[in-house]
Amino acid sequence: MDQFFASGRAVDVVLIVLLAEAIWLKKKGNGLVAIFSALMPAVLMMIALRAALTGMDWPYISIPLALAFPVHLYDLHLRRMGT
């Protein structure tokens, strides 16, 4: 189990689940922009986690984390406009 997490494979499983969720949301009739804005922060955080688990340099961790925040704010903006 240690190797499963240290290799980043656990993150790969989560990314596959997020892809399955995106497909499910699309089949439910959600638009691509809504799906993208809702799931992209999680994808970016998972990419940063994978970089950290596999010992990559700090830019590979900090850049996806930094990008997740504005995408999350955009998602909140879209949700507020939808209500």
Foldseek 3Di string as FASTA:
>chain_A
DLCCQLQLVVLVVVVVVLVVVLVVVVVVPDDPLLSCLVRQLVNLQSQLSSCVSPVHDPVSNVVSNVVSVVSPVVNVVVVVVVD
